[in-house]
Amino acid sequence: MLDSILLITYILALACSIVVLYRKHNKEAGIKNYLTTICFFLVSIIGFSAYWFDLGGIISWLLVFFFLLLGAYFTKYLKPNTEWND
């Protein structure tokens, strides 16, 4: 019962965050704006699937580490938020 609630909550949260991301980003900026968030979504999906299917081995850990590094690298393509700057 708890696993099914976790799955439903995870899918709803992931779907809502993808919709918010799509509405927030500039449509003309291209794929480079999305690379960091795509990598972080993949980390989330790999981590959840490793938990769900009991695949917490070295391959899933290496993939999570790789996508975290890749997402951190692509943060240089994010545009700065001008709302918070003085």
N, C-alpha and C. Protein backbone atom coordinates (compact mmCIF):
# COMPACT_ATOMS: atom_id res chain seq x y z
N MET A 1 0.82 -1.19 0.00
CA MET A 1 0.00 0.00 0.00
C MET A 1 0.86 1.26 0.00
N LEU A 2 1.90 1.27 0.83
CA LEU A 2 2.76 2.43 0.90
C LEU A 2 3.55 2.62 -0.39
N ASP A 3 3.94 1.51 -1.02
CA ASP A 3 4.68 1.61 -2.28
C ASP A 3 3.82 2.21 -3.39
N SER A 4 2.55 1.86 -3.44
CA SER A 4 1.69 2.42 -4.47
C SER A 4 1.42 3.90 -4.23
N ILE A 5 1.29 4.31 -2.99
CA ILE A 5 1.14 5.74 -2.68
C ILE A 5 2.40 6.50 -3.06
N LEU A 6 3.55 5.91 -2.80
CA LEU A 6 4.81 6.53 -3.18
C LEU A 6 4.93 6.67 -4.69
N LEU A 7 4.54 5.65 -5.43
CA LEU A 7 4.59 5.69 -6.88
C LEU A 7 3.67 6.76 -7.45
N ILE A 8 2.45 6.83 -6.96
CA ILE A 8 1.50 7.84 -7.45
C ILE A 8 1.98 9.25 -7.12
N THR A 9 2.49 9.45 -5.93
CA THR A 9 3.00 10.76 -5.54
C THR A 9 4.20 11.16 -6.39
N TYR A 10 5.08 10.21 -6.65
CA TYR A 10 6.26 10.48 -7.46
C TYR A 10 5.88 10.86 -8.88
N ILE A 11 4.96 10.11 -9.49
CA ILE A 11 4.56 10.39 -10.86
C ILE A 11 3.86 11.74 -10.96
N LEU A 12 3.00 12.05 -10.01
CA LEU A 12 2.32 13.35 -10.01
C LEU A 12 3.31 14.51 -9.83
N ALA A 13 4.25 14.36 -8.92
CA ALA A 13 5.23 15.41 -8.69
C ALA A 13 6.14 15.61 -9.90
N LEU A 14 6.53 14.52 -10.53
CA LEU A 14 7.38 14.61 -11.72
C LEU A 14 6.63 15.27 -12.87
N ALA A 15 5.38 14.89 -13.06
CA ALA A 15 4.57 15.48 -14.14
C ALA A 15 4.34 16.97 -13.90
N CYS A 16 4.04 17.34 -12.66
CA CYS A 16 3.82 18.76 -12.34
C CYS A 16 5.09 19.58 -12.53
N SER A 17 6.22 19.03 -12.14
CA SER A 17 7.47 19.78 -12.29
C SER A 17 7.86 19.92 -13.76
N ILE A 18 7.54 18.94 -14.59
CA ILE A 18 7.83 19.05 -16.02
C ILE A 18 6.94 20.13 -16.65
N VAL A 19 5.68 20.18 -16.25
CA VAL A 19 4.77 21.20 -16.78
C VAL A 19 5.23 22.60 -16.36
N VAL A 20 5.61 22.77 -15.11
CA VAL A 20 6.09 24.07 -14.63
C VAL A 20 7.37 24.46 -15.35
N LEU A 21 8.26 23.51 -15.55
CA LEU A 21 9.51 23.78 -16.27
C LEU A 21 9.23 24.22 -17.69
N TYR A 22 8.32 23.54 -18.36
CA TYR A 22 8.00 23.89 -19.75
C TYR A 22 7.40 25.29 -19.85
N ARG A 23 6.55 25.65 -18.91
CA ARG A 23 5.93 26.98 -18.95
C ARG A 23 6.90 28.08 -18.56
N LYS A 24 7.87 27.78 -17.73
CA LYS A 24 8.78 28.80 -17.21
C LYS A 24 9.88 29.17 -18.20
N HIS A 25 10.40 28.20 -18.91
CA HIS A 25 11.54 28.46 -19.79
C HIS A 25 11.12 29.18 -21.06
N ASN A 26 12.08 29.90 -21.59
CA ASN A 26 11.89 30.63 -22.83
C ASN A 26 11.85 29.64 -23.99
N LYS A 27 10.89 29.76 -24.85
CA LYS A 27 10.72 28.81 -25.95
C LYS A 27 11.80 28.98 -27.02
N GLU A 28 12.38 30.16 -27.10
CA GLU A 28 13.36 30.45 -28.14
C GLU A 28 14.79 30.11 -27.73
N ALA A 29 15.00 29.70 -26.51
CA ALA A 29 16.36 29.50 -26.01
C ALA A 29 16.98 28.19 -26.50
N GLY A 30 16.20 27.22 -26.87
CA GLY A 30 16.74 25.97 -27.38
C GLY A 30 16.90 24.93 -26.29
N ILE A 31 17.57 23.85 -26.64
CA ILE A 31 17.71 22.70 -25.75
C ILE A 31 18.71 22.96 -24.62
N LYS A 32 19.62 23.90 -24.80
CA LYS A 32 20.64 24.13 -23.78
C LYS A 32 20.06 24.59 -22.45
N ASN A 33 18.92 25.24 -22.49
CA ASN A 33 18.25 25.64 -21.26
C ASN A 33 17.74 24.45 -20.47
N TYR A 34 17.40 23.39 -21.16
CA TYR A 34 16.77 22.24 -20.54
C TYR A 34 17.76 21.16 -20.09
N LEU A 35 19.02 21.25 -20.45
CA LEU A 35 19.96 20.16 -20.20
C LEU A 35 20.17 19.87 -18.72
N THR A 36 20.27 20.90 -17.89
CA THR A 36 20.46 20.68 -16.46
C THR A 36 19.25 19.99 -15.85
N THR A 37 18.08 20.47 -16.16
CA THR A 37 16.89 19.87 -15.57
C THR A 37 16.63 18.47 -16.11
N ILE A 38 16.96 18.22 -17.37
CA ILE A 38 16.82 16.86 -17.91
C ILE A 38 17.73 15.91 -17.16
N CYS A 39 18.96 16.32 -16.90
CA CYS A 39 19.90 15.47 -16.15
C CYS A 39 19.39 15.22 -14.74
N PHE A 40 18.85 16.22 -14.09
CA PHE A 40 18.35 16.03 -12.73
C PHE A 40 17.08 15.19 -12.72
N PHE A 41 16.24 15.31 -13.74
CA PHE A 41 15.09 14.42 -13.84
C PHE A 41 15.54 12.98 -14.05
N LEU A 42 16.58 12.77 -14.85
CA LEU A 42 17.10 11.42 -15.06
C LEU A 42 17.67 10.83 -13.78
N VAL A 43 18.31 11.66 -12.96
CA VAL A 43 18.80 11.20 -11.66
C VAL A 43 17.63 10.73 -10.81
N SER A 44 16.56 11.50 -10.83
CA SER A 44 15.38 11.13 -10.06
C SER A 44 14.76 9.83 -10.56
N ILE A 45 14.64 9.70 -11.86
CA ILE A 45 14.05 8.50 -12.45
C ILE A 45 14.91 7.28 -12.18
N ILE A 46 16.22 7.41 -12.32
CA ILE A 46 17.13 6.28 -12.06
C ILE A 46 17.07 5.88 -10.59
N GLY A 47 17.08 6.86 -9.70
CA GLY A 47 17.01 6.56 -8.27
C GLY A 47 15.71 5.90 -7.88
N PHE A 48 14.61 6.38 -8.42
CA PHE A 48 13.32 5.78 -8.08
C PHE A 48 13.18 4.39 -8.67
N SER A 49 13.63 4.21 -9.91
CA SER A 49 13.53 2.88 -10.50
C SER A 49 14.47 1.90 -9.82
N ALA A 50 15.61 2.37 -9.33
CA ALA A 50 16.50 1.49 -8.58
C ALA A 50 15.85 1.05 -7.27
N TYR A 51 15.13 1.96 -6.65
CA TYR A 51 14.40 1.58 -5.43
C TYR A 51 13.24 0.65 -5.74
N TRP A 52 12.47 1.00 -6.77
CA TRP A 52 11.26 0.26 -7.08
C TRP A 52 11.56 -1.17 -7.53
N PHE A 53 12.57 -1.34 -8.39
CA PHE A 53 12.90 -2.66 -8.93
C PHE A 53 14.05 -3.33 -8.20
N ASP A 54 14.47 -2.75 -7.08
CA ASP A 54 15.54 -3.31 -6.26
C ASP A 54 16.84 -3.48 -7.06
N LEU A 55 17.21 -2.41 -7.76
CA LEU A 55 18.41 -2.42 -8.60
C LEU A 55 19.45 -1.43 -8.07
N GLY A 56 19.72 -1.43 -6.80
CA GLY A 56 20.64 -0.47 -6.21
C GLY A 56 22.09 -0.86 -6.34
N GLY A 57 22.49 -1.32 -7.50
CA GLY A 57 23.86 -1.77 -7.70
C GLY A 57 24.79 -0.66 -8.16
N ILE A 58 25.96 -1.05 -8.57
CA ILE A 58 27.00 -0.10 -8.95
C ILE A 58 26.63 0.64 -10.24
N ILE A 59 25.89 -0.01 -11.13
CA ILE A 59 25.52 0.64 -12.39
C ILE A 59 24.59 1.82 -12.13
N SER A 60 23.60 1.63 -11.28
CA SER A 60 22.69 2.74 -11.00
C SER A 60 23.40 3.87 -10.25
N TRP A 61 24.31 3.53 -9.36
CA TRP A 61 25.06 4.56 -8.65
C TRP A 61 25.97 5.32 -9.59
N LEU A 62 26.60 4.64 -10.53
CA LEU A 62 27.46 5.32 -11.50
C LEU A 62 26.65 6.21 -12.44
N LEU A 63 25.47 5.74 -12.84
CA LEU A 63 24.62 6.58 -13.69
C LEU A 63 24.15 7.83 -12.94
N VAL A 64 23.78 7.67 -11.69
CA VAL A 64 23.36 8.83 -10.89
C VAL A 64 24.52 9.82 -10.75
N PHE A 65 25.70 9.33 -10.45
CA PHE A 65 26.87 10.19 -10.32
C PHE A 65 27.18 10.89 -11.64
N PHE A 66 27.11 10.16 -12.75
CA PHE A 66 27.39 10.73 -14.07
C PHE A 66 26.39 11.84 -14.41
N PHE A 67 25.10 11.59 -14.19
CA PHE A 67 24.11 12.61 -14.52
C PHE A 67 24.15 13.80 -13.57
N LEU A 68 24.56 13.59 -12.33
CA LEU A 68 24.75 14.73 -11.42
C LEU A 68 25.90 15.62 -11.89
N LEU A 69 27.01 15.01 -12.30
CA LEU A 69 28.13 15.79 -12.83
C LEU A 69 27.75 16.48 -14.13
N LEU A 70 27.05 15.79 -14.99
CA LEU A 70 26.63 16.37 -16.26
C LEU A 70 25.66 17.54 -16.04
N GLY A 71 24.73 17.37 -15.10
CA GLY A 71 23.79 18.46 -14.78
C GLY A 71 24.50 19.66 -14.18
N ALA A 72 25.49 19.40 -13.34
CA ALA A 72 26.25 20.51 -12.77
C ALA A 72 27.07 21.22 -13.83
N TYR A 73 27.56 20.49 -14.80
CA TYR A 73 28.33 21.11 -15.88
C TYR A 73 27.44 22.02 -16.74
N PHE A 74 26.23 21.57 -17.01
CA PHE A 74 25.36 22.33 -17.90
C PHE A 74 24.66 23.50 -17.20
N THR A 75 24.94 23.75 -15.94
CA THR A 75 24.36 24.92 -15.29
C THR A 75 24.89 26.22 -15.87
N LYS A 76 26.00 26.16 -16.57
CA LYS A 76 26.53 27.39 -17.17
C LYS A 76 25.65 27.89 -18.30
N TYR A 77 24.77 27.05 -18.84
CA TYR A 77 23.88 27.48 -19.91
C TYR A 77 22.56 28.04 -19.39
N LEU A 78 22.32 27.97 -18.08
CA LEU A 78 21.10 28.55 -17.53
C LEU A 78 21.21 30.06 -17.52
N LYS A 79 20.10 30.71 -17.85
CA LYS A 79 20.12 32.17 -17.81
C LYS A 79 19.97 32.63 -16.37
N PRO A 80 20.62 33.71 -15.98
CA PRO A 80 20.50 34.19 -14.60
C PRO A 80 19.12 34.76 -14.32
N ASN A 81 18.67 34.60 -13.10
CA ASN A 81 17.37 35.11 -12.69
C ASN A 81 17.51 36.58 -12.37
N THR A 82 16.84 37.43 -13.12
CA THR A 82 16.98 38.88 -12.93
C THR A 82 15.98 39.43 -11.93
N GLU A 83 15.02 38.63 -11.49
CA GLU A 83 14.04 39.11 -10.53
C GLU A 83 14.64 39.36 -9.15
N TRP A 84 15.64 38.55 -8.77
CA TRP A 84 16.19 38.65 -7.43
C TRP A 84 17.39 39.59 -7.35
N ASN A 85 17.94 39.98 -8.49
CA ASN A 85 19.08 40.89 -8.47
C ASN A 85 18.61 42.31 -8.23
N ASP A 86 19.43 43.07 -7.52
CA ASP A 86 19.08 44.48 -7.23
C ASP A 86 19.45 45.39 -8.36
